Amino acid sequence: MAKSKAGQRRPSDPQVAKLIEDQKRSGMSIAAFAKEHGVPVWKLYQAGRRRRRRRTEFVEVAVGARAPAPSPLEVVLPGDLRVRIPPDFDETTLRRLLGALTSC
């Protein structure tokens, strides 16, 4: 580690990255960890902030065919009478229609 003008040890970037990982695993606060390891606390905070900004996550995206449109319901009544009902049907109207058809 290099020394700062104030005589404090200055860790290199790879060393800081390792220190940050070690601090996370330790369960200690950043301040306590920095003090124990003789590292300026601001250095760990600054490095952590830089790493969070640089972190980029990629998500794989597959492009495929569109999902099929919802298909209508089909009710088959006695006498092979078929009623096709669209997905956005009105329940009250459907009940009235089925009541009228079954009473025939």
PDB file of N, CA and C in Angstrom:
ATOM      1  N   MET A   1       0.838  -1.179   0.000  1.00  0.00           N
ATOM      2  CA  MET A   1       0.000   0.000   0.000  1.00  0.00           C
ATOM      3  C   MET A   1       0.878   1.234   0.000  1.00  0.00           C
ATOM      4  N   ALA A   2       0.500   2.215  -0.764  1.00  0.00           N
ATOM      5  CA  ALA A   2       1.231   3.483  -0.793  1.00  0.00           C
ATOM      6  C   ALA A   2       0.827   4.312   0.417  1.00  0.00           C
ATOM      7  N   LYS A   3       1.610   5.350   0.692  1.00  0.00           N
ATOM      8  CA  LYS A   3       1.301   6.228   1.821  1.00  0.00           C
ATOM      9  C   LYS A   3       0.789   7.554   1.273  1.00  0.00           C
ATOM     10  N   SER A   4      -0.207   8.120   1.973  1.00  0.00           N
ATOM     11  CA  SER A   4      -0.729   9.426   1.587  1.00  0.00           C
ATOM     12  C   SER A   4       0.189  10.492   2.147  1.00  0.00           C
ATOM     13  N   LYS A   5      -0.082  11.761   1.821  1.00  0.00           N
ATOM     14  CA  LYS A   5       0.718  12.869   2.349  1.00  0.00           C
ATOM     15  C   LYS A   5       0.650  12.913   3.867  1.00  0.00           C
ATOM     16  N   ALA A   6      -0.488  12.486   4.434  1.00  0.00           N
ATOM     17  CA  ALA A   6      -0.660  12.492   5.884  1.00  0.00           C
ATOM     18  C   ALA A   6      -0.026  11.267   6.523  1.00  0.00           C
ATOM     19  N   GLY A   7       0.569  10.406   5.727  1.00  0.00           N
ATOM     20  CA  GLY A   7       1.236   9.229   6.267  1.00  0.00           C
ATOM     21  C   GLY A   7       0.327   8.025   6.430  1.00  0.00           C
ATOM     22  N   GLN A   8      -0.932   8.134   5.989  1.00  0.00           N
ATOM     23  CA  GLN A   8      -1.849   6.995   6.086  1.00  0.00           C
ATOM     24  C   GLN A   8      -1.604   6.052   4.914  1.00  0.00           C
ATOM     25  N   ARG A   9      -1.875   4.764   5.153  1.00  0.00           N
ATOM     26  CA  ARG A   9      -1.741   3.793   4.059  1.00  0.00           C
ATOM     27  C   ARG A   9      -2.869   4.011   3.063  1.00  0.00           C
ATOM     28  N   ARG A  10      -2.503   3.995   1.778  1.00  0.00           N
ATOM     29  CA  ARG A  10      -3.498   4.138   0.722  1.00  0.00           C
ATOM     30  C   ARG A  10      -3.548   2.855  -0.067  1.00  0.00           C
ATOM     31  N   PRO A  11      -4.643   2.094   0.026  1.00  0.00           N
ATOM     32  CA  PRO A  11      -4.722   0.838  -0.719  1.00  0.00           C
ATOM     33  C   PRO A  11      -4.955   1.098  -2.202  1.00  0.00           C
ATOM     34  N   SER A  12      -4.462   0.195  -3.026  1.00  0.00           N
ATOM     35  CA  SER A  12      -4.703   0.292  -4.467  1.00  0.00           C
ATOM     36  C   SER A  12      -6.138  -0.136  -4.753  1.00  0.00           C
ATOM     37  N   ASP A  13      -6.604   0.110  -5.974  1.00  0.00           N
ATOM     38  CA  ASP A  13      -7.983  -0.234  -6.333  1.00  0.00           C
ATOM     39  C   ASP A  13      -8.299  -1.714  -6.129  1.00  0.00           C
ATOM     40  N   PRO A  14      -7.430  -2.645  -6.572  1.00  0.00           N
ATOM     41  CA  PRO A  14      -7.742  -4.058  -6.327  1.00  0.00           C
ATOM     42  C   PRO A  14      -7.780  -4.382  -4.832  1.00  0.00           C
ATOM     43  N   GLN A  15      -6.901  -3.734  -4.063  1.00  0.00           N
ATOM     44  CA  GLN A  15      -6.908  -3.964  -2.620  1.00  0.00           C
ATOM     45  C   GLN A  15      -8.187  -3.429  -1.993  1.00  0.00           C
ATOM     46  N   VAL A  16      -8.654  -2.268  -2.467  1.00  0.00           N
ATOM     47  CA  VAL A  16      -9.890  -1.686  -1.949  1.00  0.00           C
ATOM     48  C   VAL A  16     -11.064  -2.586  -2.286  1.00  0.00           C
ATOM     49  N   ALA A  17     -11.085  -3.126  -3.501  1.00  0.00           N
ATOM     50  CA  ALA A  17     -12.172  -4.035  -3.888  1.00  0.00           C
ATOM     51  C   ALA A  17     -12.205  -5.238  -2.968  1.00  0.00           C
ATOM     52  N   LYS A  18     -11.035  -5.778  -2.646  1.00  0.00           N
ATOM     53  CA  LYS A  18     -10.976  -6.922  -1.734  1.00  0.00           C
ATOM     54  C   LYS A  18     -11.421  -6.516  -0.333  1.00  0.00           C
ATOM     55  N   LEU A  19     -10.989  -5.322   0.106  1.00  0.00           N
ATOM     56  CA  LEU A  19     -11.398  -4.838   1.427  1.00  0.00           C
ATOM     57  C   LEU A  19     -12.914  -4.681   1.519  1.00  0.00           C
ATOM     58  N   ILE A  20     -13.520  -4.176   0.454  1.00  0.00           N
ATOM     59  CA  ILE A  20     -14.979  -4.003   0.453  1.00  0.00           C
ATOM     60  C   ILE A  20     -15.668  -5.357   0.579  1.00  0.00           C
ATOM     61  N   GLU A  21     -15.201  -6.334  -0.177  1.00  0.00           N
ATOM     62  CA  GLU A  21     -15.785  -7.676  -0.091  1.00  0.00           C
ATOM     63  C   GLU A  21     -15.583  -8.265   1.307  1.00  0.00           C
ATOM     64  N   ASP A  22     -14.368  -8.091   1.857  1.00  0.00           N
ATOM     65  CA  ASP A  22     -14.085  -8.605   3.196  1.00  0.00           C
ATOM     66  C   ASP A  22     -14.976  -7.930   4.238  1.00  0.00           C
ATOM     67  N   GLN A  23     -15.184  -6.630   4.074  1.00  0.00           N
ATOM     68  CA  GLN A  23     -16.037  -5.900   5.022  1.00  0.00           C
ATOM     69  C   GLN A  23     -17.467  -6.419   4.978  1.00  0.00           C
ATOM     70  N   LYS A  24     -17.982  -6.672   3.801  1.00  0.00           N
ATOM     71  CA  LYS A  24     -19.352  -7.196   3.677  1.00  0.00           C
ATOM     72  C   LYS A  24     -19.474  -8.543   4.373  1.00  0.00           C
ATOM     73  N   ARG A  25     -18.479  -9.396   4.181  1.00  0.00           N
ATOM     74  CA  ARG A  25     -18.518 -10.723   4.807  1.00  0.00           C
ATOM     75  C   ARG A  25     -18.343 -10.650   6.319  1.00  0.00           C
ATOM     76  N   SER A  26     -17.644  -9.627   6.790  1.00  0.00           N
ATOM     77  CA  SER A  26     -17.333  -9.545   8.219  1.00  0.00           C
ATOM     78  C   SER A  26     -18.555  -9.225   9.077  1.00  0.00           C
ATOM     79  N   GLY A  27     -19.519  -8.532   8.490  1.00  0.00           N
ATOM     80  CA  GLY A  27     -20.682  -8.109   9.272  1.00  0.00           C
ATOM     81  C   GLY A  27     -20.408  -6.851  10.090  1.00  0.00           C
ATOM     82  N   MET A  28     -19.189  -6.334  10.009  1.00  0.00           N
ATOM     83  CA  MET A  28     -18.828  -5.114  10.739  1.00  0.00           C
ATOM     84  C   MET A  28     -19.299  -3.889   9.971  1.00  0.00           C
ATOM     85  N   SER A  29     -19.452  -2.776  10.682  1.00  0.00           N
ATOM     86  CA  SER A  29     -19.758  -1.521   9.997  1.00  0.00           C
ATOM     87  C   SER A  29     -18.533  -1.119   9.176  1.00  0.00           C
ATOM     88  N   ILE A  30     -18.756  -0.277   8.190  1.00  0.00           N
ATOM     89  CA  ILE A  30     -17.643   0.171   7.351  1.00  0.00           C
ATOM     90  C   ILE A  30     -16.629   0.921   8.205  1.00  0.00           C
ATOM     91  N   ALA A  31     -17.111   1.769   9.122  1.00  0.00           N
ATOM     92  CA  ALA A  31     -16.214   2.559   9.963  1.00  0.00           C
ATOM     93  C   ALA A  31     -15.346   1.658  10.844  1.00  0.00           C
ATOM     94  N   ALA A  32     -15.963   0.675  11.489  1.00  0.00           N
ATOM     95  CA  ALA A  32     -15.214  -0.223  12.376  1.00  0.00           C
ATOM     96  C   ALA A  32     -14.203  -1.043  11.581  1.00  0.00           C
ATOM     97  N   PHE A  33     -14.622  -1.526  10.423  1.00  0.00           N
ATOM     98  CA  PHE A  33     -13.731  -2.333   9.578  1.00  0.00           C
ATOM     99  C   PHE A  33     -12.535  -1.502   9.111  1.00  0.00           C
ATOM    100  N   ALA A  34     -12.814  -0.259   8.662  1.00  0.00           N
ATOM    101  CA  ALA A  34     -11.738   0.609   8.185  1.00  0.00           C
ATOM    102  C   ALA A  34     -10.744   0.896   9.308  1.00  0.00           C
ATOM    103  N   LYS A  35     -11.263   1.175  10.495  1.00  0.00           N
ATOM    104  CA  LYS A  35     -10.384   1.464  11.629  1.00  0.00           C
ATOM    105  C   LYS A  35      -9.510   0.254  11.957  1.00  0.00           C
ATOM    106  N   GLU A  36     -10.130  -0.929  11.966  1.00  0.00           N
ATOM    107  CA  GLU A  36      -9.391  -2.150  12.288  1.00  0.00           C
ATOM    108  C   GLU A  36      -8.289  -2.439  11.281  1.00  0.00           C
ATOM    109  N   HIS A  37      -8.521  -2.077  10.018  1.00  0.00           N
ATOM    110  CA  HIS A  37      -7.553  -2.373   8.962  1.00  0.00           C
ATOM    111  C   HIS A  37      -6.662  -1.169   8.612  1.00  0.00           C
ATOM    112  N   GLY A  38      -6.803  -0.076   9.351  1.00  0.00           N
ATOM    113  CA  GLY A  38      -5.952   1.088   9.116  1.00  0.00           C
ATOM    114  C   GLY A  38      -6.164   1.759   7.785  1.00  0.00           C
ATOM    115  N   VAL A  39      -7.399   1.738   7.310  1.00  0.00           N
ATOM    116  CA  VAL A  39      -7.738   2.333   6.021  1.00  0.00           C
ATOM    117  C   VAL A  39      -8.659   3.521   6.284  1.00  0.00           C
ATOM    118  N   PRO A  40      -8.478   4.638   5.598  1.00  0.00           N
ATOM    119  CA  PRO A  40      -9.397   5.766   5.790  1.00  0.00           C
ATOM    120  C   PRO A  40     -10.831   5.348   5.426  1.00  0.00           C
ATOM    121  N   VAL A  41     -11.763   5.638   6.315  1.00  0.00           N
ATOM    122  CA  VAL A  41     -13.145   5.208   6.101  1.00  0.00           C
ATOM    123  C   VAL A  41     -13.708   5.804   4.813  1.00  0.00           C
ATOM    124  N   TRP A  42     -13.324   7.044   4.501  1.00  0.00           N
ATOM    125  CA  TRP A  42     -13.844   7.679   3.298  1.00  0.00           C
ATOM    126  C   TRP A  42     -13.453   6.899   2.050  1.00  0.00           C
ATOM    127  N   LYS A  43     -12.276   6.257   2.095  1.00  0.00           N
ATOM    128  CA  LYS A  43     -11.794   5.501   0.946  1.00  0.00           C
ATOM    129  C   LYS A  43     -12.730   4.327   0.634  1.00  0.00           C
ATOM    130  N   LEU A  44     -13.187   3.646   1.701  1.00  0.00           N
ATOM    131  CA  LEU A  44     -14.102   2.518   1.485  1.00  0.00           C
ATOM    132  C   LEU A  44     -15.464   3.001   0.998  1.00  0.00           C
ATOM    133  N   TYR A  45     -15.975   4.099   1.587  1.00  0.00           N
ATOM    134  CA  TYR A  45     -17.261   4.633   1.138  1.00  0.00           C
ATOM    135  C   TYR A  45     -17.192   5.070  -0.318  1.00  0.00           C
ATOM    136  N   GLN A  46     -16.110   5.797  -0.658  1.00  0.00           N
ATOM    137  CA  GLN A  46     -15.961   6.289  -2.027  1.00  0.00           C
ATOM    138  C   GLN A  46     -15.836   5.140  -3.021  1.00  0.00           C
ATOM    139  N   ALA A  47     -15.032   4.156  -2.676  1.00  0.00           N
ATOM    140  CA  ALA A  47     -14.842   3.017  -3.578  1.00  0.00           C
ATOM    141  C   ALA A  47     -16.135   2.230  -3.740  1.00  0.00           C
ATOM    142  N   GLY A  48     -16.869   2.052  -2.650  1.00  0.00           N
ATOM    143  CA  GLY A  48     -18.144   1.341  -2.725  1.00  0.00           C
ATOM    144  C   GLY A  48     -19.134   2.062  -3.622  1.00  0.00           C
ATOM    145  N   ARG A  49     -19.172   3.377  -3.515  1.00  0.00           N
ATOM    146  CA  ARG A  49     -20.076   4.172  -4.352  1.00  0.00           C
ATOM    147  C   ARG A  49     -19.698   4.045  -5.822  1.00  0.00           C
ATOM    148  N   ARG A  50     -18.379   4.106  -6.095  1.00  0.00           N
ATOM    149  CA  ARG A  50     -17.917   3.958  -7.491  1.00  0.00           C
ATOM    150  C   ARG A  50     -18.291   2.589  -8.052  1.00  0.00           C
ATOM    151  N   ARG A  51     -18.119   1.556  -7.243  1.00  0.00           N
ATOM    152  CA  ARG A  51     -18.438   0.191  -7.704  1.00  0.00           C
ATOM    153  C   ARG A  51     -19.924   0.046  -7.983  1.00  0.00           C
ATOM    154  N   ARG A  52     -20.764   0.638  -7.140  1.00  0.00           N
ATOM    155  CA  ARG A  52     -22.219   0.537  -7.358  1.00  0.00           C
ATOM    156  C   ARG A  52     -22.627   1.236  -8.644  1.00  0.00           C
ATOM    157  N   ARG A  53     -21.986   2.371  -8.936  1.00  0.00           N
ATOM    158  CA  ARG A  53     -22.312   3.095 -10.171  1.00  0.00           C
ATOM    159  C   ARG A  53     -21.861   2.329 -11.403  1.00  0.00           C
ATOM    160  N   ARG A  54     -20.710   1.629 -11.300  1.00  0.00           N
ATOM    161  CA  ARG A  54     -20.174   0.891 -12.442  1.00  0.00           C
ATOM    162  C   ARG A  54     -20.895  -0.419 -12.679  1.00  0.00           C
ATOM    163  N   ARG A  55     -21.525  -0.938 -11.642  1.00  0.00           N
ATOM    164  CA  ARG A  55     -22.131  -2.265 -11.766  1.00  0.00           C
ATOM    165  C   ARG A  55     -23.253  -2.222 -12.798  1.00  0.00           C
ATOM    166  N   THR A  56     -23.149  -3.080 -13.760  1.00  0.00           N
ATOM    167  CA  THR A  56     -24.155  -3.192 -14.807  1.00  0.00           C
ATOM    168  C   THR A  56     -24.595  -4.643 -14.863  1.00  0.00           C
ATOM    169  N   GLU A  57     -25.874  -4.815 -14.881  1.00  0.00           N
ATOM    170  CA  GLU A  57     -26.391  -6.174 -14.986  1.00  0.00           C
ATOM    171  C   GLU A  57     -27.092  -6.320 -16.324  1.00  0.00           C
ATOM    172  N   PHE A  58     -26.846  -7.433 -16.964  1.00  0.00           N
ATOM    173  CA  PHE A  58     -27.472  -7.703 -18.248  1.00  0.00           C
ATOM    174  C   PHE A  58     -28.493  -8.809 -18.073  1.00  0.00           C
ATOM    175  N   VAL A  59     -29.574  -8.668 -18.770  1.00  0.00           N
ATOM    176  CA  VAL A  59     -30.627  -9.671 -18.742  1.00  0.00           C
ATOM    177  C   VAL A  59     -30.823 -10.149 -20.164  1.00  0.00           C
ATOM    178  N   GLU A  60     -30.843 -11.457 -20.335  1.00  0.00           N
ATOM    179  CA  GLU A  60     -31.042 -12.010 -21.669  1.00  0.00           C
ATOM    180  C   GLU A  60     -32.499 -11.845 -22.067  1.00  0.00           C
ATOM    181  N   VAL A  61     -32.712 -11.370 -23.268  1.00  0.00           N
ATOM    182  CA  VAL A  61     -34.061 -11.158 -23.778  1.00  0.00           C
ATOM    183  C   VAL A  61     -34.197 -11.942 -25.071  1.00  0.00           C
ATOM    184  N   ALA A  62     -35.235 -12.739 -25.131  1.00  0.00           N
ATOM    185  CA  ALA A  62     -35.509 -13.487 -26.354  1.00  0.00           C
ATOM    186  C   ALA A  62     -36.747 -12.893 -27.012  1.00  0.00           C
ATOM    187  N   VAL A  63     -36.634 -12.661 -28.297  1.00  0.00           N
ATOM    188  CA  VAL A  63     -37.753 -12.100 -29.040  1.00  0.00           C
ATOM    189  C   VAL A  63     -38.428 -13.238 -29.783  1.00  0.00           C
ATOM    190  N   GLY A  64     -39.702 -13.358 -29.575  1.00  0.00           N
ATOM    191  CA  GLY A  64     -40.443 -14.428 -30.227  1.00  0.00           C
ATOM    192  C   GLY A  64     -41.740 -13.898 -30.808  1.00  0.00           C
ATOM    193  N   ALA A  65     -42.567 -14.804 -31.221  1.00  0.00           N
ATOM    194  CA  ALA A  65     -43.866 -14.430 -31.777  1.00  0.00           C
ATOM    195  C   ALA A  65     -44.733 -13.838 -30.671  1.00  0.00           C
ATOM    196  N   ARG A  66     -45.661 -13.018 -31.061  1.00  0.00           N
ATOM    197  CA  ARG A  66     -46.595 -12.441 -30.094  1.00  0.00           C
ATOM    198  C   ARG A  66     -47.444 -13.539 -29.477  1.00  0.00           C
ATOM    199  N   ALA A  67     -47.845 -13.284 -28.266  1.00  0.00           N
ATOM    200  CA  ALA A  67     -48.746 -14.227 -27.608  1.00  0.00           C
ATOM    201  C   ALA A  67     -50.075 -14.214 -28.355  1.00  0.00           C
ATOM    202  N   PRO A  68     -50.687 -15.364 -28.492  1.00  0.00           N
ATOM    203  CA  PRO A  68     -51.955 -15.392 -29.213  1.00  0.00           C
ATOM    204  C   PRO A  68     -53.023 -14.603 -28.461  1.00  0.00           C
ATOM    205  N   ALA A  69     -53.917 -14.032 -29.241  1.00  0.00           N
ATOM    206  CA  ALA A  69     -55.031 -13.291 -28.636  1.00  0.00           C
ATOM    207  C   ALA A  69     -55.903 -14.269 -27.862  1.00  0.00           C
ATOM    208  N   PRO A  70     -56.488 -13.815 -26.757  1.00  0.00           N
ATOM    209  CA  PRO A  70     -57.352 -14.714 -25.995  1.00  0.00           C
ATOM    210  C   PRO A  70     -58.479 -15.241 -26.884  1.00  0.00           C
ATOM    211  N   SER A  71     -58.706 -16.520 -26.809  1.00  0.00           N
ATOM    212  CA  SER A  71     -59.743 -17.102 -27.656  1.00  0.00           C
ATOM    213  C   SER A  71     -61.090 -17.011 -26.958  1.00  0.00           C
ATOM    214  N   PRO A  72     -62.140 -16.960 -27.742  1.00  0.00           N
ATOM    215  CA  PRO A  72     -63.470 -16.864 -27.135  1.00  0.00           C
ATOM    216  C   PRO A  72     -63.849 -18.183 -26.460  1.00  0.00           C
ATOM    217  N   LEU A  73     -64.744 -18.083 -25.499  1.00  0.00           N
ATOM    218  CA  LEU A  73     -65.319 -19.282 -24.882  1.00  0.00           C
ATOM    219  C   LEU A  73     -66.394 -19.812 -25.811  1.00  0.00           C
ATOM    220  N   GLU A  74     -66.632 -21.079 -25.736  1.00  0.00           N
ATOM    221  CA  GLU A  74     -67.699 -21.649 -26.552  1.00  0.00           C
ATOM    222  C   GLU A  74     -68.563 -22.531 -25.660  1.00  0.00           C
ATOM    223  N   VAL A  75     -69.859 -22.255 -25.660  1.00  0.00           N
ATOM    224  CA  VAL A  75     -70.807 -23.046 -24.876  1.00  0.00           C
ATOM    225  C   VAL A  75     -71.630 -23.861 -25.862  1.00  0.00           C
ATOM    226  N   VAL A  76     -71.671 -25.187 -25.635  1.00  0.00           N
ATOM    227  CA  VAL A  76     -72.452 -26.064 -26.503  1.00  0.00           C
ATOM    228  C   VAL A  76     -73.707 -26.455 -25.732  1.00  0.00           C
ATOM    229  N   LEU A  77     -74.848 -26.093 -26.298  1.00  0.00           N
ATOM    230  CA  LEU A  77     -76.140 -26.381 -25.668  1.00  0.00           C
ATOM    231  C   LEU A  77     -76.790 -27.584 -26.337  1.00  0.00           C
ATOM    232  N   PRO A  78     -77.797 -28.150 -25.708  1.00  0.00           N
ATOM    233  CA  PRO A  78     -78.504 -29.279 -26.335  1.00  0.00           C
ATOM    234  C   PRO A  78     -78.966 -28.916 -27.746  1.00  0.00           C
ATOM    235  N   GLY A  79     -78.971 -29.889 -28.614  1.00  0.00           N
ATOM    236  CA  GLY A  79     -79.352 -29.663 -30.016  1.00  0.00           C
ATOM    237  C   GLY A  79     -78.186 -29.108 -30.809  1.00  0.00           C
ATOM    238  N   ASP A  80     -76.964 -29.264 -30.271  1.00  0.00           N
ATOM    239  CA  ASP A  80     -75.737 -28.819 -30.922  1.00  0.00           C
ATOM    240  C   ASP A  80     -75.729 -27.316 -31.205  1.00  0.00           C
ATOM    241  N   LEU A  81     -76.413 -26.561 -30.338  1.00  0.00           N
ATOM    242  CA  LEU A  81     -76.412 -25.110 -30.449  1.00  0.00           C
ATOM    243  C   LEU A  81     -75.135 -24.594 -29.780  1.00  0.00           C
ATOM    244  N   ARG A  82     -74.383 -23.795 -30.491  1.00  0.00           N
ATOM    245  CA  ARG A  82     -73.110 -23.286 -29.968  1.00  0.00           C
ATOM    246  C   ARG A  82     -73.178 -21.772 -29.819  1.00  0.00           C
ATOM    247  N   VAL A  83     -72.659 -21.313 -28.684  1.00  0.00           N
ATOM    248  CA  VAL A  83     -72.597 -19.869 -28.427  1.00  0.00           C
ATOM    249  C   VAL A  83     -71.132 -19.526 -28.175  1.00  0.00           C
ATOM    250  N   ARG A  84     -70.578 -18.659 -29.015  1.00  0.00           N
ATOM    251  CA  ARG A  84     -69.191 -18.201 -28.823  1.00  0.00           C
ATOM    252  C   ARG A  84     -69.220 -16.885 -28.054  1.00  0.00           C
ATOM    253  N   ILE A  85     -68.425 -16.854 -26.987  1.00  0.00           N
ATOM    254  CA  ILE A  85     -68.437 -15.702 -26.085  1.00  0.00           C
ATOM    255  C   ILE A  85     -67.057 -15.056 -26.118  1.00  0.00           C
ATOM    256  N   PRO A  86     -66.999 -13.763 -26.438  1.00  0.00           N
ATOM    257  CA  PRO A  86     -65.698 -13.086 -26.486  1.00  0.00           C
ATOM    258  C   PRO A  86     -65.101 -12.961 -25.078  1.00  0.00           C
ATOM    259  N   PRO A  87     -63.778 -12.812 -24.985  1.00  0.00           N
ATOM    260  CA  PRO A  87     -63.125 -12.730 -23.677  1.00  0.00           C
ATOM    261  C   PRO A  87     -63.633 -11.582 -22.796  1.00  0.00           C
ATOM    262  N   ASP A  88     -64.078 -10.499 -23.391  1.00  0.00           N
ATOM    263  CA  ASP A  88     -64.545  -9.356 -22.598  1.00  0.00           C
ATOM    264  C   ASP A  88     -66.070  -9.323 -22.465  1.00  0.00           C
ATOM    265  N   PHE A  89     -66.691 -10.492 -22.321  1.00  0.00           N
ATOM    266  CA  PHE A  89     -68.152 -10.577 -22.268  1.00  0.00           C
ATOM    267  C   PHE A  89     -68.719  -9.921 -21.006  1.00  0.00           C
ATOM    268  N   ASP A  90     -70.007  -9.547 -21.118  1.00  0.00           N
ATOM    269  CA  ASP A  90     -70.746  -9.000 -19.981  1.00  0.00           C
ATOM    270  C   ASP A  90     -71.513 -10.161 -19.342  1.00  0.00           C
ATOM    271  N   GLU A  91     -71.211 -10.459 -18.086  1.00  0.00           N
ATOM    272  CA  GLU A  91     -71.776 -11.636 -17.427  1.00  0.00           C
ATOM    273  C   GLU A  91     -73.306 -11.583 -17.342  1.00  0.00           C
ATOM    274  N   THR A  92     -73.853 -10.436 -17.061  1.00  0.00           N
ATOM    275  CA  THR A  92     -75.316 -10.315 -16.935  1.00  0.00           C
ATOM    276  C   THR A  92     -76.002 -10.619 -18.264  1.00  0.00           C
ATOM    277  N   THR A  93     -75.470 -10.070 -19.329  1.00  0.00           N
ATOM    278  CA  THR A  93     -76.052 -10.312 -20.655  1.00  0.00           C
ATOM    279  C   THR A  93     -75.931 -11.783 -21.027  1.00  0.00           C
ATOM    280  N   LEU A  94     -74.798 -12.402 -20.721  1.00  0.00           N
ATOM    281  CA  LEU A  94     -74.611 -13.822 -21.031  1.00  0.00           C
ATOM    282  C   LEU A  94     -75.625 -14.675 -20.264  1.00  0.00           C
ATOM    283  N   ARG A  95     -75.843 -14.378 -18.982  1.00  0.00           N
ATOM    284  CA  ARG A  95     -76.839 -15.141 -18.212  1.00  0.00           C
ATOM    285  C   ARG A  95     -78.233 -15.016 -18.824  1.00  0.00           C
ATOM    286  N   ARG A  96     -78.585 -13.805 -19.239  1.00  0.00           N
ATOM    287  CA  ARG A  96     -79.916 -13.610 -19.857  1.00  0.00           C
ATOM    288  C   ARG A  96     -80.019 -14.395 -21.159  1.00  0.00           C
ATOM    289  N   LEU A  97     -78.953 -14.370 -21.966  1.00  0.00           N
ATOM    290  CA  LEU A  97     -78.952 -15.081 -23.245  1.00  0.00           C
ATOM    291  C   LEU A  97     -79.078 -16.579 -23.010  1.00  0.00           C
ATOM    292  N   LEU A  98     -78.285 -17.133 -22.098  1.00  0.00           N
ATOM    293  CA  LEU A  98     -78.345 -18.586 -21.833  1.00  0.00           C
ATOM    294  C   LEU A  98     -79.696 -18.987 -21.257  1.00  0.00           C
ATOM    295  N   GLY A  99     -80.244 -18.145 -20.396  1.00  0.00           N
ATOM    296  CA  GLY A  99     -81.582 -18.427 -19.861  1.00  0.00           C
ATOM    297  C   GLY A  99     -82.632 -18.477 -20.966  1.00  0.00           C
ATOM    298  N   ALA A 100     -82.548 -17.515 -21.879  1.00  0.00           N
ATOM    299  CA  ALA A 100     -83.511 -17.501 -22.982  1.00  0.00           C
ATOM    300  C   ALA A 100     -83.343 -18.696 -23.906  1.00  0.00           C
ATOM    301  N   LEU A 101     -82.088 -19.091 -24.180  1.00  0.00           N
ATOM    302  CA  LEU A 101     -81.842 -20.215 -25.080  1.00  0.00           C
ATOM    303  C   LEU A 101     -82.240 -21.546 -24.461  1.00  0.00           C
ATOM    304  N   THR A 102     -82.010 -21.730 -23.182  1.00  0.00           N
ATOM    305  CA  THR A 102     -82.373 -23.013 -22.561  1.00  0.00           C
ATOM    306  C   THR A 102     -83.835 -23.145 -22.326  1.00  0.00           C
ATOM    307  N   SER A 103     -84.572 -22.042 -22.334  1.00  0.00           N
ATOM    308  CA  SER A 103     -86.030 -22.131 -22.139  1.00  0.00           C
ATOM    309  C   SER A 103     -86.761 -22.437 -23.446  1.00  0.00           C
ATOM    310  N   CYS A 104     -86.083 -22.437 -24.553  1.00  0.00           N
ATOM    311  CA  CYS A 104     -86.709 -22.716 -25.845  1.00  0.00           C
ATOM    312  C   CYS A 104     -87.009 -24.179 -26.026  1.00  0.00           C
TER     313      CYS A 104
END
